[in-house]
Amino acid sequence: MQRERLDELLLQRLGLPGRGWTTTTRCAHLGLVGAGLVLVTAVALGSPPFLALGEHAGFVALLVGLRFWAGLNPIVIRRAGIANETILEGGVLVLALAALGPGPGTALWLASSLALELVQRHYLSIALLNTALRTFPGVAAAGLQVAVTAGGWPTSRADRSAVVGLTVGAAYGLVESILSDLASRWISGQLGAPVRWSSLGLAALVGAGLGVLAGLALWMSPPVEAAIVLALPLVLVARLVRVTVERADGQQSNWILLNAITRLASAEELVEVERVVLQAATALAPACTVDITTEPPLRNRRKLWLPLSSPGQPTAPLDHSHAAETRWLRATLRTYDVSLPCHEREALSALAAAGHAATDRITERNDMHWLARHDALTGLLNRNGYWQLAFDELPDGMPAGALLIDLDRFKTVNDVFGHAVGDEVLLAAAEALRAVLPSDAAAARWGGDEFVVHVTGDAAVARLEQLGHEVIVAVEDAAAELIPRGMVSASVGYATTEDGTRVDAVELLQRADQSMYSAKRAGRATVRGHRL
């Protein structure tokens, strides 16, 4: 409740951009730490550095434009899914510190970092955290610049500009990458994961290169022209790194997708499809936790829902083995980013489409197999299913029995009330059979208004006649809820064998059929039997 009130205050009353305060408790804690660091930095700087920015309005506007371009065009250099635009910001920071000085340069960096986060509509806690993650390395870089220039080495101004640019750019890229990686690990609960030293080295290397370019550009040209000169290599580096990373990620994603599609094409069960999809999705989107759910999609930039099955009705009203709910592949970001990277979203969409096709294929096959053995109206076995059960699946030599049930005067129900009501009576009769039959009995709709029940075992065979009377009562009670009582009844005939008696299932059913007609001749709604 407190978080909901805070979100309402931030969004509705204060009108701040974003979608509330935080997503998780850990994000909230780091957001408070970030807010404290930003506040301490702003108080330490004081107002003069911020006021001094107005004296260089054109240069400041150009730097802010470059900063926003770098921030809004991130480059993913880690498979953890963290968008690290700081490798492009190192050169901009060098220009700001060298041209404006440590104080105003840091003030500009603080203000532009906060503005960039708010423009991106991050959660407020995440915006404060990201601002601190960029401000603290900026302060460290400013201190390093002061230390390098105060030493008086090297003596040449050009060399000094190059050294300052190299150290400041490399330090900013490395420190920011380390802090971002630690924050991401802590938020996602993966502090023990191995460190990607190559990624950190790449951030430091690119930051150093851009820093050197910025320092030399500022040595050769006035600040405004230096910013323009820096923009060209900034764009070129961004394009080069983006193409390289996208190509490498694309090749890896294609291999994962090809392997998953191959396995999905040979999958025989829905459980196997879900297992393959989850394994591939985890590899395609390491920045996310993935699961399969039936919950409906929600509007949330940190979550992605992709359908794995189509909504539909079960094959029959009583077939509970075919779920009608749509199943979704759900990906939830573990990091503090607010949206899934585009290439990972596309890869997950392709994987979900392949999983959807495999699910439809298996579901269609299961439906055809089910319809081959079951009655589509009642969900009971049909003749084919009954014979397969009687000949192939029931043990031979055990005592067995067969019940044949015929609904009396059922044709009158169709003539008086219509076939729709007749179908409802058949459904009610099937439900009544399920309610009174033992769990190991096999029930089938033989055709029209006739039903067959097959039982095995001494106990079931011994009480077959009693079971027939229970069926009569249950069917009449079920039909009475739809039509006048007594309009439909049930005539039951049964046949049983003794232990060790080998009787063909066809002969057993024929004897039960003869007994059923004996029950009809005896006045209907009664039971007659025959023992072989």
Protein backbone atom coordinates (compact mmCIF):
# COMPACT_ATOMS: atom_id res chain seq x y z
CA MET A 1 0.00 0.00 0.00
CA GLN A 2 2.84 2.42 0.78
CA ARG A 3 4.45 1.79 -2.60
CA GLU A 4 1.10 2.36 -4.36
CA ARG A 5 0.68 5.69 -2.56
CA LEU A 6 4.22 6.71 -3.50
CA ASP A 7 3.59 5.80 -7.15
CA GLU A 8 0.39 7.84 -7.13
CA LEU A 9 2.22 10.82 -5.62
CA LEU A 10 5.03 10.65 -8.20
CA LEU A 11 2.90 10.03 -11.26
CA GLN A 12 -0.36 11.87 -10.70
CA ARG A 13 0.36 14.72 -8.30
CA LEU A 14 3.96 15.59 -9.15
CA GLY A 15 3.66 14.63 -12.81
CA LEU A 16 7.11 13.00 -12.95
CA PRO A 17 7.84 10.85 -16.01
CA GLY A 18 8.24 7.12 -15.60
CA ARG A 19 6.10 4.32 -14.25
CA GLY A 20 6.45 4.70 -10.53
CA TRP A 21 9.16 4.42 -7.94
CA THR A 22 10.65 0.96 -8.39
CA THR A 23 10.21 -2.61 -9.58
CA THR A 24 11.89 -4.56 -6.77
CA THR A 25 13.05 -3.95 -3.23
CA ARG A 26 16.69 -4.17 -4.26
CA CYS A 27 16.14 -1.53 -6.93
CA ALA A 28 14.53 0.67 -4.29
CA HIS A 29 17.53 0.32 -1.98
CA LEU A 30 20.02 1.14 -4.71
CA GLY A 31 17.81 4.03 -5.82
CA LEU A 32 18.03 5.53 -2.34
CA VAL A 33 21.81 5.08 -2.39
CA GLY A 34 21.93 6.76 -5.80
CA ALA A 35 19.80 9.64 -4.58
CA GLY A 36 22.17 10.15 -1.67
CA LEU A 37 25.25 10.17 -3.91
CA VAL A 38 23.66 12.60 -6.35
CA LEU A 39 22.62 14.92 -3.50
CA VAL A 40 26.06 14.81 -1.88
CA THR A 41 27.74 15.58 -5.23
CA ALA A 42 25.39 18.49 -5.94
CA VAL A 43 25.95 19.98 -2.45
CA ALA A 44 29.71 19.53 -2.75
CA LEU A 45 29.79 21.31 -6.09
CA GLY A 46 27.61 24.18 -4.93
CA SER A 47 25.82 26.61 -7.22
CA PRO A 48 28.80 28.39 -8.92
CA PRO A 49 29.70 25.48 -11.27
CA PHE A 50 26.08 25.22 -12.42
CA LEU A 51 25.85 29.00 -12.96
CA ALA A 52 29.10 28.96 -14.91
CA LEU A 53 27.51 26.72 -17.53
CA GLY A 54 25.49 29.66 -18.79
CA GLU A 55 28.67 31.37 -19.99
CA HIS A 56 29.23 28.56 -22.51
CA ALA A 57 25.63 27.98 -23.61
CA GLY A 58 26.41 26.96 -27.21
CA PHE A 59 29.16 24.52 -26.26
CA VAL A 60 27.07 23.11 -23.40
CA ALA A 61 24.09 22.57 -25.73
CA LEU A 62 26.30 20.74 -28.22
CA LEU A 63 27.77 18.50 -25.53
CA VAL A 64 24.33 17.72 -24.15
CA GLY A 65 23.19 16.82 -27.66
CA LEU A 66 26.12 14.43 -28.10
CA ARG A 67 25.45 12.99 -24.65
CA PHE A 68 21.81 12.38 -25.41
CA TRP A 69 22.68 10.78 -28.74
CA ALA A 70 25.07 8.39 -27.01
CA GLY A 71 22.55 7.63 -24.26
CA LEU A 72 19.63 7.03 -26.60
CA ASN A 73 21.69 4.81 -28.92
CA PRO A 74 23.15 2.24 -26.52
CA ILE A 75 25.51 -0.52 -27.56
CA VAL A 76 25.19 -3.95 -25.98
CA ILE A 77 28.71 -5.20 -25.35
CA ARG A 78 27.82 -7.89 -22.82
CA ARG A 79 25.64 -10.94 -23.28
CA ALA A 80 24.13 -10.13 -19.88
CA GLY A 81 21.86 -7.78 -21.80
CA ILE A 82 23.13 -4.57 -20.17
CA ALA A 83 23.03 -1.64 -22.59
CA ASN A 84 26.32 0.19 -21.99
CA GLU A 85 26.38 3.55 -23.72
CA THR A 86 29.22 4.81 -21.55
CA ILE A 87 31.83 3.57 -24.02
CA LEU A 88 30.65 6.44 -26.24
CA GLU A 89 30.36 8.97 -23.42
CA GLY A 90 34.06 8.95 -22.46
CA GLY A 91 34.98 11.39 -25.22
CA VAL A 92 32.14 13.74 -24.32
CA LEU A 93 33.27 13.76 -20.67
CA VAL A 94 36.86 14.58 -21.69
CA LEU A 95 35.62 17.59 -23.68
CA ALA A 96 33.43 18.78 -20.81
CA LEU A 97 36.19 18.53 -18.19
CA ALA A 98 38.95 19.96 -20.40
CA ALA A 99 36.97 22.87 -21.83
CA LEU A 100 34.83 23.82 -18.82
CA GLY A 101 37.06 22.72 -15.95
CA PRO A 102 36.55 20.02 -13.30
CA GLY A 103 33.76 21.82 -11.41
CA PRO A 104 31.50 22.98 -14.28
CA GLY A 105 32.28 19.82 -16.25
CA THR A 106 31.14 17.62 -13.36
CA ALA A 107 28.06 19.83 -12.86
CA LEU A 108 27.16 19.43 -16.53
CA TRP A 109 27.65 15.69 -16.29
CA LEU A 110 25.41 15.42 -13.23
CA ALA A 111 22.60 17.51 -14.73
CA SER A 112 22.69 15.83 -18.14
CA SER A 113 22.77 12.34 -16.58
CA LEU A 114 19.63 13.02 -14.55
CA ALA A 115 17.87 14.64 -17.52
CA LEU A 116 18.76 11.69 -19.76
CA GLU A 117 17.30 9.20 -17.30
CA LEU A 118 14.07 11.14 -16.91
CA VAL A 119 13.67 11.47 -20.68
CA GLN A 120 13.98 7.70 -21.01
CA ARG A 121 11.02 7.28 -18.62
CA HIS A 122 12.83 4.92 -16.29
CA TYR A 123 11.45 4.07 -12.88
CA LEU A 124 12.51 6.88 -10.57
CA SER A 125 14.65 4.63 -8.37
CA ILE A 126 16.42 3.28 -11.46
CA ALA A 127 16.86 6.80 -12.84
CA LEU A 128 18.56 7.91 -9.62
CA LEU A 129 20.70 4.77 -9.60
CA ASN A 130 21.82 5.27 -13.21
CA THR A 131 22.54 8.95 -12.53
CA ALA A 132 24.78 7.99 -9.63
CA LEU A 133 26.46 5.27 -11.70
CA ARG A 134 27.48 7.95 -14.23
CA THR A 135 28.13 10.82 -11.82
CA PHE A 136 30.49 8.94 -9.51
CA PRO A 137 32.82 7.82 -12.36
CA GLY A 138 32.62 11.39 -13.70
CA VAL A 139 33.80 12.75 -10.35
CA ALA A 140 36.60 10.15 -10.28
CA ALA A 141 37.61 11.12 -13.81
CA ALA A 142 37.65 14.81 -12.86
CA GLY A 143 39.91 14.05 -9.90
CA LEU A 144 42.19 12.03 -12.15
CA GLN A 145 42.34 14.92 -14.61
CA VAL A 146 43.37 17.31 -11.85
CA ALA A 147 46.04 14.86 -10.66
CA VAL A 148 47.49 14.37 -14.15
CA THR A 149 47.57 18.07 -15.07
CA ALA A 150 48.96 19.10 -11.69
CA GLY A 151 51.96 16.86 -12.17
CA GLY A 152 53.21 18.92 -15.08
CA TRP A 153 53.84 15.80 -17.18
CA PRO A 154 54.14 15.57 -20.06
CA THR A 155 55.46 18.99 -20.88
CA SER A 156 54.04 19.22 -24.39
CA ARG A 157 50.46 20.50 -24.49
CA ALA A 158 49.52 18.04 -27.20
CA ASP A 159 50.97 15.13 -25.29
CA ARG A 160 49.30 16.33 -22.12
CA SER A 161 45.92 16.51 -23.91
CA ALA A 162 46.38 12.98 -25.25
CA VAL A 163 47.41 11.58 -21.86
CA VAL A 164 44.55 13.31 -20.06
CA GLY A 165 42.09 12.09 -22.66
CA LEU A 166 43.43 8.55 -22.48
CA THR A 167 43.40 8.28 -18.68
CA VAL A 168 40.09 10.07 -18.18
CA GLY A 169 38.29 8.15 -20.95
CA ALA A 170 39.66 4.76 -19.86
CA ALA A 171 38.99 5.44 -16.16
CA TYR A 172 35.42 6.55 -16.80
CA GLY A 173 34.60 3.58 -19.05
CA LEU A 174 36.16 1.05 -16.69
CA VAL A 175 34.76 2.44 -13.42
CA GLU A 176 31.27 2.91 -14.82
CA SER A 177 31.24 -0.59 -16.31
CA ILE A 178 32.38 -2.15 -13.04
CA LEU A 179 29.79 -0.28 -10.98
CA SER A 180 27.00 -1.03 -13.46
CA ASP A 181 27.94 -4.70 -13.52
CA LEU A 182 27.99 -4.91 -9.72
CA ALA A 183 24.64 -3.14 -9.44
CA SER A 184 23.09 -5.42 -12.04
CA ARG A 185 24.47 -8.52 -10.32
CA TRP A 186 23.16 -7.44 -6.94
CA ILE A 187 19.70 -6.62 -8.29
CA SER A 188 19.44 -9.96 -10.10
CA GLY A 189 20.95 -11.93 -7.19
CA GLN A 190 23.94 -13.12 -9.23
CA LEU A 191 26.90 -11.64 -7.40
CA GLY A 192 28.74 -14.93 -7.68
CA ALA A 193 28.58 -15.07 -11.49
CA PRO A 194 31.96 -14.96 -13.30
CA VAL A 195 33.23 -11.51 -14.27
CA ARG A 196 33.45 -10.80 -17.99
CA TRP A 197 36.87 -9.22 -18.01
CA SER A 198 36.91 -8.94 -21.79
CA SER A 199 33.83 -6.72 -21.70
CA LEU A 200 35.34 -4.47 -19.03
CA GLY A 201 38.56 -4.27 -21.03
CA LEU A 202 36.62 -3.34 -24.15
CA ALA A 203 34.83 -0.52 -22.31
CA ALA A 204 38.15 0.86 -21.02
CA LEU A 205 39.81 0.53 -24.44
CA VAL A 206 37.07 2.27 -26.39
CA GLY A 207 36.73 4.95 -23.70
CA ALA A 208 40.49 5.58 -23.84
CA GLY A 209 40.46 5.85 -27.62
CA LEU A 210 37.61 8.34 -27.68
CA GLY A 211 39.23 10.25 -24.82
CA VAL A 212 42.45 10.63 -26.81
CA LEU A 213 40.48 11.83 -29.84
CA ALA A 214 38.60 14.33 -27.69
CA GLY A 215 41.79 15.63 -26.08
CA LEU A 216 43.58 16.08 -29.41
CA ALA A 217 40.52 17.67 -31.00
CA LEU A 218 40.33 20.17 -28.16
CA TRP A 219 44.07 20.91 -28.50
CA MET A 220 43.71 21.57 -32.24
CA SER A 221 40.40 23.44 -32.28
CA PRO A 222 38.15 25.66 -30.17
CA PRO A 223 35.68 23.81 -27.93
CA VAL A 224 32.67 24.01 -30.27
CA GLU A 225 34.66 22.81 -33.28
CA ALA A 226 36.28 20.11 -31.15
CA ALA A 227 32.83 18.79 -30.24
CA ILE A 228 31.88 18.68 -33.91
CA VAL A 229 35.13 16.90 -34.78
CA LEU A 230 34.47 14.34 -32.05
CA ALA A 231 30.96 13.61 -33.34
CA LEU A 232 32.24 11.91 -36.52
CA PRO A 233 34.41 9.20 -34.84
CA LEU A 234 31.69 8.82 -32.21
CA VAL A 235 29.18 7.85 -34.88
CA LEU A 236 31.71 5.65 -36.69
CA VAL A 237 32.71 3.79 -33.53
CA ALA A 238 29.08 3.32 -32.56
CA ARG A 239 28.27 1.91 -35.97
CA LEU A 240 31.32 -0.37 -36.02
CA VAL A 241 30.72 -1.79 -32.55
CA ARG A 242 26.98 -2.18 -33.17
CA VAL A 243 27.50 -4.08 -36.42
CA THR A 244 30.18 -6.30 -34.88
CA VAL A 245 28.12 -7.12 -31.80
CA GLU A 246 24.91 -7.66 -33.73
CA ARG A 247 26.67 -9.98 -36.15
CA ALA A 248 28.19 -12.06 -33.35
CA ASP A 249 24.92 -12.14 -31.39
CA GLY A 250 22.99 -12.95 -34.56
CA GLN A 251 25.20 -15.94 -35.37
CA GLN A 252 24.90 -17.30 -31.85
CA SER A 253 21.14 -16.71 -31.77
CA ASN A 254 20.70 -18.38 -35.16
CA TRP A 255 22.57 -21.46 -33.97
CA ILE A 256 20.46 -21.66 -30.80
CA LEU A 257 17.24 -21.21 -32.82
CA LEU A 258 18.24 -23.82 -35.40
CA ASN A 259 19.02 -26.36 -32.69
CA ALA A 260 15.74 -25.60 -30.88
CA ILE A 261 13.65 -25.83 -34.08
CA THR A 262 15.26 -29.17 -34.93
CA ARG A 263 14.40 -30.56 -31.51
CA LEU A 264 10.86 -29.11 -31.63
CA ALA A 265 10.24 -30.77 -35.00
CA SER A 266 10.86 -34.20 -33.44
CA ALA A 267 9.11 -33.54 -30.11
CA GLU A 268 6.32 -35.98 -29.29
CA GLU A 269 4.91 -34.51 -26.08
CA LEU A 270 3.89 -31.01 -24.97
CA VAL A 271 6.14 -31.33 -21.91
CA GLU A 272 9.11 -31.84 -24.22
CA VAL A 273 8.15 -28.75 -26.24
CA GLU A 274 8.04 -26.60 -23.12
CA ARG A 275 11.39 -27.95 -21.93
CA VAL A 276 13.09 -27.16 -25.27
CA VAL A 277 11.53 -23.68 -25.41
CA LEU A 278 12.63 -22.82 -21.87
CA GLN A 279 16.21 -24.00 -22.47
CA ALA A 280 16.52 -22.05 -25.72
CA ALA A 281 14.84 -18.93 -24.30
CA THR A 282 17.26 -18.87 -21.37
CA ALA A 283 20.20 -18.97 -23.79
CA LEU A 284 18.70 -16.35 -26.14
CA ALA A 285 17.83 -13.85 -23.40
CA PRO A 286 20.32 -14.24 -20.53
CA ALA A 287 19.18 -10.92 -19.05
CA CYS A 288 15.72 -12.41 -18.38
CA THR A 289 14.04 -15.04 -16.32
CA VAL A 290 11.76 -17.09 -18.55
CA ASP A 291 8.81 -19.27 -17.66
CA ILE A 292 5.62 -20.64 -19.22
CA THR A 293 2.36 -19.38 -17.77
CA THR A 294 -1.36 -19.21 -18.43
CA GLU A 295 -1.68 -15.74 -16.88
CA PRO A 296 -3.00 -13.14 -19.34
CA PRO A 297 -0.49 -10.55 -20.63
CA LEU A 298 -0.05 -7.25 -18.79
CA ARG A 299 1.21 -3.91 -20.06
CA ASN A 300 4.75 -3.91 -18.72
CA ARG A 301 7.91 -2.92 -20.57
CA ARG A 302 9.98 -5.22 -18.36
CA LYS A 303 7.93 -8.30 -19.34
CA LEU A 304 7.33 -9.92 -22.71
CA TRP A 305 4.46 -12.36 -23.37
CA LEU A 306 4.60 -14.59 -26.47
CA PRO A 307 1.86 -17.19 -27.20
CA LEU A 308 2.83 -20.87 -27.28
CA SER A 309 -0.68 -22.21 -27.96
CA SER A 310 -3.93 -21.00 -29.44
CA PRO A 311 -7.04 -20.51 -27.32
CA GLY A 312 -9.63 -23.16 -28.11
CA GLN A 313 -12.23 -25.52 -26.76
CA PRO A 314 -11.49 -29.09 -25.65
CA THR A 315 -12.27 -31.86 -28.12
CA ALA A 316 -15.29 -32.88 -26.03
CA PRO A 317 -17.08 -31.28 -23.08
CA LEU A 318 -15.90 -34.04 -20.76
CA ASP A 319 -12.33 -34.29 -22.07
CA HIS A 320 -10.22 -32.67 -19.38
CA SER A 321 -6.90 -33.71 -20.92
CA HIS A 322 -6.94 -30.88 -23.45
CA ALA A 323 -6.55 -27.48 -21.78
CA ALA A 324 -8.43 -24.56 -23.32
CA GLU A 325 -6.21 -21.89 -21.76
CA THR A 326 -3.59 -20.13 -23.84
CA ARG A 327 -0.04 -20.82 -22.69
CA TRP A 328 2.48 -17.99 -22.87
CA LEU A 329 6.25 -17.76 -22.90
CA ARG A 330 6.99 -14.95 -20.42
CA ALA A 331 10.36 -13.18 -20.24
CA THR A 332 11.03 -10.85 -17.31
CA LEU A 333 14.12 -8.63 -17.13
CA ARG A 334 16.44 -9.37 -14.24
CA THR A 335 18.58 -6.28 -14.75
CA TYR A 336 17.58 -2.69 -14.10
CA ASP A 337 16.95 -1.98 -17.79
CA VAL A 338 13.40 -1.01 -18.65
CA SER A 339 12.95 -2.89 -21.93
CA LEU A 340 14.24 -6.02 -23.62
CA PRO A 341 16.92 -5.45 -26.30
CA CYS A 342 15.48 -5.58 -29.82
CA HIS A 343 17.56 -8.53 -31.07
CA GLU A 344 16.65 -10.63 -28.02
CA ARG A 345 12.97 -9.76 -28.47
CA GLU A 346 13.11 -10.87 -32.13
CA ALA A 347 14.90 -14.12 -31.23
CA LEU A 348 12.34 -14.95 -28.54
CA SER A 349 9.51 -14.19 -30.98
CA ALA A 350 10.97 -16.63 -33.53
CA LEU A 351 11.41 -19.28 -30.83
CA ALA A 352 7.84 -18.83 -29.60
CA ALA A 353 6.53 -19.15 -33.17
CA ALA A 354 8.38 -22.46 -33.57
CA GLY A 355 7.08 -23.63 -30.17
CA HIS A 356 3.55 -22.59 -31.17
CA ALA A 357 3.77 -24.66 -34.38
CA ALA A 358 5.08 -27.70 -32.47
CA THR A 359 2.32 -27.32 -29.86
CA ASP A 360 -0.37 -27.14 -32.56
CA ARG A 361 1.07 -30.22 -34.30
CA ILE A 362 1.13 -32.31 -31.12
CA THR A 363 -2.28 -31.06 -29.99
CA GLU A 364 -3.82 -31.90 -33.36
CA ARG A 365 -2.26 -35.37 -33.26
CA ASN A 366 -3.52 -35.92 -29.70
CA ASP A 367 -6.99 -34.76 -30.71
CA MET A 368 -7.07 -37.16 -33.65
CA HIS A 369 -5.87 -40.01 -31.44
CA TRP A 370 -8.49 -39.16 -28.83
CA LEU A 371 -11.32 -38.94 -31.38
CA ALA A 372 -10.29 -42.31 -32.82
CA ARG A 373 -11.10 -43.95 -29.46
CA HIS A 374 -13.75 -41.71 -27.91
CA ASP A 375 -17.24 -40.51 -28.59
CA ALA A 376 -17.18 -36.80 -29.44
CA LEU A 377 -20.47 -36.04 -27.64
CA THR A 378 -20.15 -37.83 -24.30
CA GLY A 379 -16.39 -38.28 -24.02
CA LEU A 380 -16.82 -42.00 -23.33
CA LEU A 381 -15.04 -44.68 -25.36
CA ASN A 382 -16.48 -45.47 -28.77
CA ARG A 383 -16.66 -48.94 -30.30
CA ASN A 384 -13.09 -48.82 -31.55
CA GLY A 385 -11.82 -47.76 -28.15
CA TYR A 386 -13.88 -50.39 -26.37
CA TRP A 387 -12.64 -53.26 -28.54
CA GLN A 388 -9.05 -52.06 -28.25
CA LEU A 389 -9.41 -52.02 -24.48
CA ALA A 390 -11.19 -55.37 -24.34
CA PHE A 391 -8.74 -57.23 -26.59
CA ASP A 392 -5.42 -55.50 -26.02
CA GLU A 393 -5.37 -53.96 -22.55
CA LEU A 394 -7.53 -56.09 -20.24
CA PRO A 395 -5.84 -59.14 -18.61
CA ASP A 396 -6.82 -62.53 -19.97
CA GLY A 397 -8.17 -65.29 -17.70
CA MET A 398 -9.56 -62.98 -15.00
CA PRO A 399 -13.28 -62.91 -14.12
CA ALA A 400 -14.93 -60.38 -16.43
CA GLY A 401 -18.34 -58.90 -16.95
CA ALA A 402 -20.17 -56.70 -19.42
CA LEU A 403 -23.17 -54.42 -18.90
CA LEU A 404 -25.27 -53.31 -21.86
CA ILE A 405 -27.54 -50.34 -21.09
CA ASP A 406 -30.30 -49.14 -23.40
CA LEU A 407 -32.29 -45.95 -22.76
CA ASP A 408 -36.01 -46.75 -22.98
CA ARG A 409 -38.25 -44.45 -25.08
CA PHE A 410 -35.32 -42.22 -26.03
CA LYS A 411 -36.73 -41.70 -29.54
CA THR A 412 -39.78 -40.07 -27.95
CA VAL A 413 -37.50 -37.50 -26.29
CA ASN A 414 -36.04 -36.54 -29.67
CA ASP A 415 -39.49 -36.35 -31.25
CA VAL A 416 -41.04 -34.26 -28.45
CA PHE A 417 -38.20 -32.05 -27.24
CA GLY A 418 -35.78 -32.08 -30.18
CA HIS A 419 -32.34 -33.52 -30.73
CA ALA A 420 -30.62 -30.80 -28.68
CA VAL A 421 -32.44 -31.96 -25.54
CA GLY A 422 -31.78 -35.55 -26.57
CA ASP A 423 -28.05 -34.83 -26.65
CA GLU A 424 -28.27 -33.30 -23.19
CA VAL A 425 -30.00 -36.46 -21.92
CA LEU A 426 -27.20 -38.57 -23.39
CA LEU A 427 -24.63 -36.37 -21.66
CA ALA A 428 -26.52 -36.66 -18.38
CA ALA A 429 -26.63 -40.46 -18.76
CA ALA A 430 -22.87 -40.55 -19.41
CA GLU A 431 -22.23 -38.47 -16.30
CA ALA A 432 -24.47 -40.78 -14.29
CA LEU A 433 -22.45 -43.78 -15.47
CA ARG A 434 -19.22 -42.11 -14.42
CA ALA A 435 -20.66 -41.38 -10.99
CA VAL A 436 -21.68 -44.98 -10.12
CA LEU A 437 -19.06 -47.08 -11.95
CA PRO A 438 -15.90 -48.26 -10.17
CA SER A 439 -12.72 -46.46 -11.15
CA ASP A 440 -11.31 -49.44 -13.05
CA ALA A 441 -14.45 -49.98 -15.17
CA ALA A 442 -14.43 -49.05 -18.87
CA ALA A 443 -17.56 -47.31 -20.21
CA ALA A 444 -18.37 -46.75 -23.87
CA ARG A 445 -21.18 -45.31 -25.93
CA TRP A 446 -22.03 -48.20 -28.22
CA GLY A 447 -24.18 -46.13 -30.54
CA GLY A 448 -27.39 -44.14 -30.40
CA ASP A 449 -28.85 -44.59 -26.91
CA GLU A 450 -26.84 -47.70 -25.95
CA PHE A 451 -23.91 -47.83 -23.52
CA VAL A 452 -21.51 -50.66 -22.64
CA VAL A 453 -19.56 -51.18 -19.43
CA HIS A 454 -16.68 -53.68 -19.06
CA VAL A 455 -15.44 -54.75 -15.58
CA THR A 456 -12.83 -57.24 -14.38
CA GLY A 457 -11.99 -58.79 -11.01
CA ASP A 458 -13.90 -60.95 -8.55
CA ALA A 459 -15.35 -58.06 -6.53
CA ALA A 460 -16.62 -56.10 -9.54
CA VAL A 461 -18.13 -59.18 -11.20
CA ALA A 462 -19.84 -60.30 -7.97
CA ARG A 463 -21.76 -57.03 -7.64
CA LEU A 464 -22.53 -56.58 -11.35
CA GLU A 465 -26.27 -57.07 -10.87
CA GLN A 466 -26.33 -54.52 -8.04
CA LEU A 467 -24.34 -52.14 -10.24
CA GLY A 468 -27.01 -52.51 -12.92
CA HIS A 469 -29.73 -51.41 -10.49
CA GLU A 470 -27.59 -48.43 -9.43
CA VAL A 471 -27.21 -47.45 -13.06
CA ILE A 472 -30.98 -47.51 -13.58
CA VAL A 473 -31.58 -45.20 -10.61
CA ALA A 474 -28.73 -42.84 -11.57
CA VAL A 475 -29.87 -42.53 -15.20
CA GLU A 476 -33.49 -41.84 -14.23
CA ASP A 477 -32.44 -39.19 -11.70
CA ALA A 478 -30.12 -37.50 -14.20
CA ALA A 479 -32.75 -37.47 -16.96
CA ALA A 480 -35.41 -36.12 -14.57
CA GLU A 481 -33.46 -32.87 -14.35
CA LEU A 482 -34.07 -32.28 -18.07
CA ILE A 483 -37.37 -33.99 -18.90
CA PRO A 484 -40.38 -35.30 -16.92
CA ARG A 485 -39.45 -38.17 -14.59
CA GLY A 486 -40.26 -41.59 -15.96
CA MET A 487 -40.16 -40.50 -19.59
CA VAL A 488 -36.74 -42.15 -19.97
CA SER A 489 -35.58 -45.22 -18.11
CA ALA A 490 -32.81 -47.78 -18.61
CA SER A 491 -32.93 -51.49 -19.36
CA VAL A 492 -29.75 -53.30 -18.32
CA GLY A 493 -28.44 -56.68 -19.37
CA TYR A 494 -25.23 -58.24 -18.12
CA ALA A 495 -23.07 -61.28 -18.67
CA THR A 496 -20.24 -62.57 -16.46
CA THR A 497 -17.51 -65.20 -16.54
CA GLU A 498 -15.93 -67.16 -13.72
CA ASP A 499 -12.27 -67.25 -12.80
CA GLY A 500 -10.21 -69.09 -15.40
CA THR A 501 -13.05 -69.23 -17.94
CA ARG A 502 -11.76 -68.11 -21.30
CA VAL A 503 -14.61 -66.35 -23.11
CA ASP A 504 -14.24 -64.17 -26.15
CA ALA A 505 -15.12 -60.51 -25.52
CA VAL A 506 -17.49 -60.59 -28.50
CA GLU A 507 -19.40 -63.55 -27.08
CA LEU A 508 -19.54 -61.88 -23.66
CA LEU A 509 -21.09 -58.78 -25.19
CA GLN A 510 -23.56 -60.83 -27.25
CA ARG A 511 -24.81 -62.55 -24.10
CA ALA A 512 -25.17 -59.18 -22.38
CA ASP A 513 -27.16 -57.95 -25.39
CA GLN A 514 -29.52 -60.93 -25.12
CA SER A 515 -29.97 -60.20 -21.40
CA MET A 516 -30.75 -56.56 -22.15
CA TYR A 517 -33.57 -57.55 -24.53
CA SER A 518 -34.85 -59.90 -21.83
CA ALA A 519 -35.00 -56.90 -19.49
CA LYS A 520 -37.01 -54.94 -22.07
CA ARG A 521 -39.46 -57.81 -22.50
CA ALA A 522 -39.79 -57.96 -18.72
CA GLY A 523 -41.18 -54.41 -18.66
CA ARG A 524 -38.12 -52.15 -18.98
CA ALA A 525 -36.23 -50.38 -16.17
CA THR A 526 -34.98 -53.68 -14.82
CA VAL A 527 -31.89 -55.91 -14.88
CA ARG A 528 -31.40 -59.33 -16.38
CA GLY A 529 -28.18 -61.35 -16.48
CA HIS A 530 -26.38 -64.39 -17.81
CA ARG A 531 -23.39 -66.28 -16.36
CA LEU A 532 -20.99 -68.14 -18.67
